[in-house]
Amino acid sequence: MSAVDPQAVDVARLEVDPAYRVAYLTAVVGLTEVDRALIRASRPHLTPWLDALMVAIEGRLLGFSNTARHFDGLPPAMVTVHLRAYVDTILRPRDEAQLAVYLDHVARAHGPDGGDPRIVVPLVEVSGLLAFITDQVIGAVAELDLPVERRFAAARAWSKLLWIQADLFHWDAARRARA
């Protein structure tokens, strides 16, 4: 047992307050201001790569019948527009409360409580795509023309941020299952 006094956590609030949940997860995974600065600093380096990421994501989404079905009848450019907006938004500087609201919005937009009612994405599909995006981002960061320590730190920062996003998708699915 540790001699350190544990931080008080309101477990009930974790299940109802996205900002509190993100703040808790930020503390647990250790997403620091240094990490946020690395994410923001990587933007100019990753911007030229975003078009290739969009093509890779679209290929992944449209390459499987279960994920392609969500886009039947929708304009093909819609995927690119929404994905680019997501990546651009998480790259922008924002405070923790704004980030929590946005990440929660993204999670809810893929379920029946938000976004396009025709697009209710099962958790397995969201999880798979988010893992693919994480791998692509970390791969791109690894190729940046930066010192290896900085690339490694940026990859870890991105991993933490995207893991928090994954938790919010799982949290939204759990809320829907309980309703």
Protein backbone atom coordinates (compact mmCIF):
# COMPACT_ATOMS: atom_id res chain seq x y z
CA MET A 1 0.00 0.00 0.00
CA SER A 2 1.27 3.46 -0.89
CA ALA A 3 1.87 6.17 1.67
CA VAL A 4 0.43 8.70 -0.80
CA ASP A 5 -3.04 10.01 -0.07
CA PRO A 6 -5.32 9.21 -3.02
CA GLN A 7 -7.10 11.97 -4.88
CA ALA A 8 -10.81 12.07 -4.20
CA VAL A 9 -12.87 10.99 -7.20
CA ASP A 10 -16.64 11.36 -7.46
CA VAL A 11 -17.42 8.04 -9.16
CA ALA A 12 -21.06 8.95 -9.82
CA ARG A 13 -20.00 12.20 -11.50
CA LEU A 14 -17.63 10.28 -13.80
CA GLU A 15 -20.75 8.72 -15.34
CA VAL A 16 -22.64 11.97 -16.00
CA ASP A 17 -20.17 14.79 -16.56
CA PRO A 18 -17.98 14.63 -19.70
CA ALA A 19 -15.65 17.41 -18.54
CA TYR A 20 -15.10 15.71 -15.18
CA ARG A 21 -14.55 12.37 -16.93
CA VAL A 22 -11.99 13.85 -19.35
CA ALA A 23 -10.22 15.64 -16.49
CA TYR A 24 -10.02 12.36 -14.58
CA LEU A 25 -8.77 10.42 -17.63
CA THR A 26 -6.28 13.20 -18.40
CA ALA A 27 -4.85 12.81 -14.90
CA VAL A 28 -4.82 8.99 -15.02
CA VAL A 29 -3.11 8.71 -18.43
CA GLY A 30 -0.86 11.67 -17.70
CA LEU A 31 -1.88 13.90 -20.62
CA THR A 32 0.06 17.03 -19.65
CA GLU A 33 0.41 20.55 -20.99
CA VAL A 34 3.71 19.39 -22.47
CA ASP A 35 1.79 16.66 -24.32
CA ARG A 36 -0.80 19.16 -25.56
CA ALA A 37 2.00 21.45 -26.74
CA LEU A 38 3.60 18.53 -28.63
CA ILE A 39 0.26 17.75 -30.30
CA ARG A 40 -0.13 21.40 -31.35
CA ALA A 41 3.50 21.64 -32.44
CA SER A 42 3.10 18.58 -34.64
CA ARG A 43 0.34 20.24 -36.67
CA PRO A 44 2.58 22.01 -39.23
CA HIS A 45 4.53 18.78 -39.68
CA LEU A 46 1.39 16.64 -40.09
CA THR A 47 -0.63 19.01 -42.28
CA PRO A 48 0.95 17.84 -45.57
CA TRP A 49 0.14 14.27 -44.56
CA LEU A 50 -3.56 14.90 -43.80
CA ASP A 51 -4.71 14.31 -47.38
CA ALA A 52 -3.06 10.89 -47.36
CA LEU A 53 -4.67 10.16 -43.98
CA MET A 54 -8.10 11.08 -45.33
CA VAL A 55 -7.62 8.76 -48.31
CA ALA A 56 -6.45 5.95 -46.01
CA ILE A 57 -9.42 6.39 -43.66
CA GLU A 58 -11.91 6.56 -46.52
CA GLY A 59 -10.37 3.42 -47.98
CA ARG A 60 -10.71 1.66 -44.64
CA LEU A 61 -14.30 2.82 -44.13
CA LEU A 62 -15.42 1.96 -47.63
CA GLY A 63 -13.37 -1.25 -47.76
CA PHE A 64 -15.68 -3.18 -45.45
CA SER A 65 -19.39 -3.72 -46.12
CA ASN A 66 -20.39 -3.06 -42.52
CA THR A 67 -18.73 0.38 -42.43
CA ALA A 68 -19.43 1.30 -46.07
CA ARG A 69 -23.19 0.93 -45.47
CA HIS A 70 -23.21 4.07 -43.32
CA PHE A 71 -22.33 6.13 -46.38
CA ASP A 72 -24.89 4.74 -48.83
CA GLY A 73 -26.61 7.67 -50.50
CA LEU A 74 -24.40 10.28 -48.85
CA PRO A 75 -22.08 12.54 -50.85
CA PRO A 76 -18.58 10.97 -50.98
CA ALA A 77 -16.95 14.23 -49.85
CA MET A 78 -18.89 14.12 -46.56
CA VAL A 79 -16.48 11.60 -45.03
CA THR A 80 -13.47 13.73 -45.88
CA VAL A 81 -15.08 16.93 -44.59
CA HIS A 82 -16.03 15.43 -41.23
CA LEU A 83 -12.76 13.57 -40.71
CA ARG A 84 -10.67 16.60 -41.61
CA ALA A 85 -12.75 18.76 -39.24
CA TYR A 86 -12.14 16.21 -36.47
CA VAL A 87 -8.37 16.12 -36.99
CA ASP A 88 -8.16 19.91 -37.40
CA THR A 89 -10.17 20.43 -34.22
CA ILE A 90 -8.11 18.13 -32.02
CA LEU A 91 -4.92 19.75 -33.33
CA ARG A 92 -6.07 23.24 -32.32
CA PRO A 93 -5.17 24.67 -28.94
CA ARG A 94 -8.07 24.40 -26.53
CA ASP A 95 -8.57 24.13 -22.85
CA GLU A 96 -9.54 20.88 -21.19
CA ALA A 97 -13.24 21.78 -20.84
CA GLN A 98 -13.54 22.65 -24.55
CA LEU A 99 -11.73 19.47 -25.47
CA ALA A 100 -14.06 17.40 -23.28
CA VAL A 101 -17.15 18.91 -24.86
CA TYR A 102 -15.82 18.34 -28.37
CA LEU A 103 -14.66 14.75 -27.79
CA ASP A 104 -17.99 13.90 -26.14
CA HIS A 105 -19.83 15.49 -29.09
CA VAL A 106 -17.86 13.31 -31.53
CA ALA A 107 -18.69 10.17 -29.54
CA ARG A 108 -22.41 11.02 -29.35
CA ALA A 109 -22.56 11.98 -33.04
CA HIS A 110 -21.96 8.34 -33.95
CA GLY A 111 -24.93 7.10 -31.92
CA PRO A 112 -28.69 7.61 -32.05
CA ASP A 113 -28.60 10.64 -29.72
CA GLY A 114 -26.71 12.95 -32.05
CA GLY A 115 -25.55 13.52 -35.56
CA ASP A 116 -27.29 12.02 -38.55
CA PRO A 117 -30.00 9.58 -37.36
CA ARG A 118 -29.13 7.33 -40.32
CA ILE A 119 -25.62 6.88 -38.95
CA VAL A 120 -25.57 4.79 -35.79
CA VAL A 121 -22.13 3.24 -35.74
CA PRO A 122 -21.61 0.06 -33.71
CA LEU A 123 -18.84 0.27 -31.15
CA VAL A 124 -16.73 -2.41 -32.86
CA GLU A 125 -16.60 -0.28 -36.01
CA VAL A 126 -15.70 2.90 -34.13
CA SER A 127 -13.05 1.06 -32.09
CA GLY A 128 -11.49 -0.45 -35.17
CA LEU A 129 -11.37 2.86 -37.02
CA LEU A 130 -10.00 4.75 -34.03
CA ALA A 131 -7.27 2.13 -33.63
CA PHE A 132 -6.48 2.52 -37.34
CA ILE A 133 -6.34 6.33 -37.00
CA THR A 134 -4.09 6.01 -33.93
CA ASP A 135 -1.73 3.74 -35.83
CA GLN A 136 -1.67 6.11 -38.82
CA VAL A 137 -0.99 9.17 -36.64
CA ILE A 138 1.78 7.44 -34.68
CA GLY A 139 3.28 6.20 -37.95
CA ALA A 140 3.24 9.73 -39.37
CA VAL A 141 4.76 11.18 -36.19
CA ALA A 142 7.52 8.56 -36.35
CA GLU A 143 8.44 9.84 -39.82
CA LEU A 144 8.66 13.52 -38.83
CA ASP A 145 11.96 15.32 -39.28
CA LEU A 146 12.40 15.84 -35.54
CA PRO A 147 14.81 14.45 -32.97
CA VAL A 148 13.85 10.92 -31.99
CA GLU A 149 13.03 11.93 -28.39
CA ARG A 150 10.56 14.55 -29.65
CA ARG A 151 8.94 12.11 -32.09
CA PHE A 152 8.58 9.52 -29.35
CA ALA A 153 7.07 12.07 -26.93
CA ALA A 154 4.65 13.34 -29.60
CA ALA A 155 3.57 9.78 -30.44
CA ARG A 156 2.89 9.12 -26.75
CA ALA A 157 0.91 12.37 -26.47
CA TRP A 158 -1.25 11.46 -29.47
CA SER A 159 -1.79 7.98 -28.06
CA LYS A 160 -3.05 9.43 -24.77
CA LEU A 161 -5.41 11.86 -26.48
CA LEU A 162 -6.86 9.23 -28.81
CA TRP A 163 -7.24 6.79 -25.93
CA ILE A 164 -9.38 9.37 -24.10
CA GLN A 165 -11.47 9.71 -27.28
CA ALA A 166 -11.89 5.92 -27.36
CA ASP A 167 -13.09 5.93 -23.75
CA LEU A 168 -15.77 8.48 -24.63
CA PHE A 169 -17.02 6.27 -27.48
CA HIS A 170 -17.20 3.32 -25.07
CA TRP A 171 -18.87 5.49 -22.43
CA ASP A 172 -21.51 6.64 -24.92
CA ALA A 173 -22.20 3.04 -25.96
CA ALA A 174 -22.53 2.02 -22.30
CA ARG A 175 -24.96 4.89 -21.63
CA ARG A 176 -27.07 3.82 -24.62
CA ALA A 177 -27.05 0.19 -23.46
CA ARG A 178 -28.30 1.21 -20.00
CA ALA A 179 -31.08 3.44 -21.40
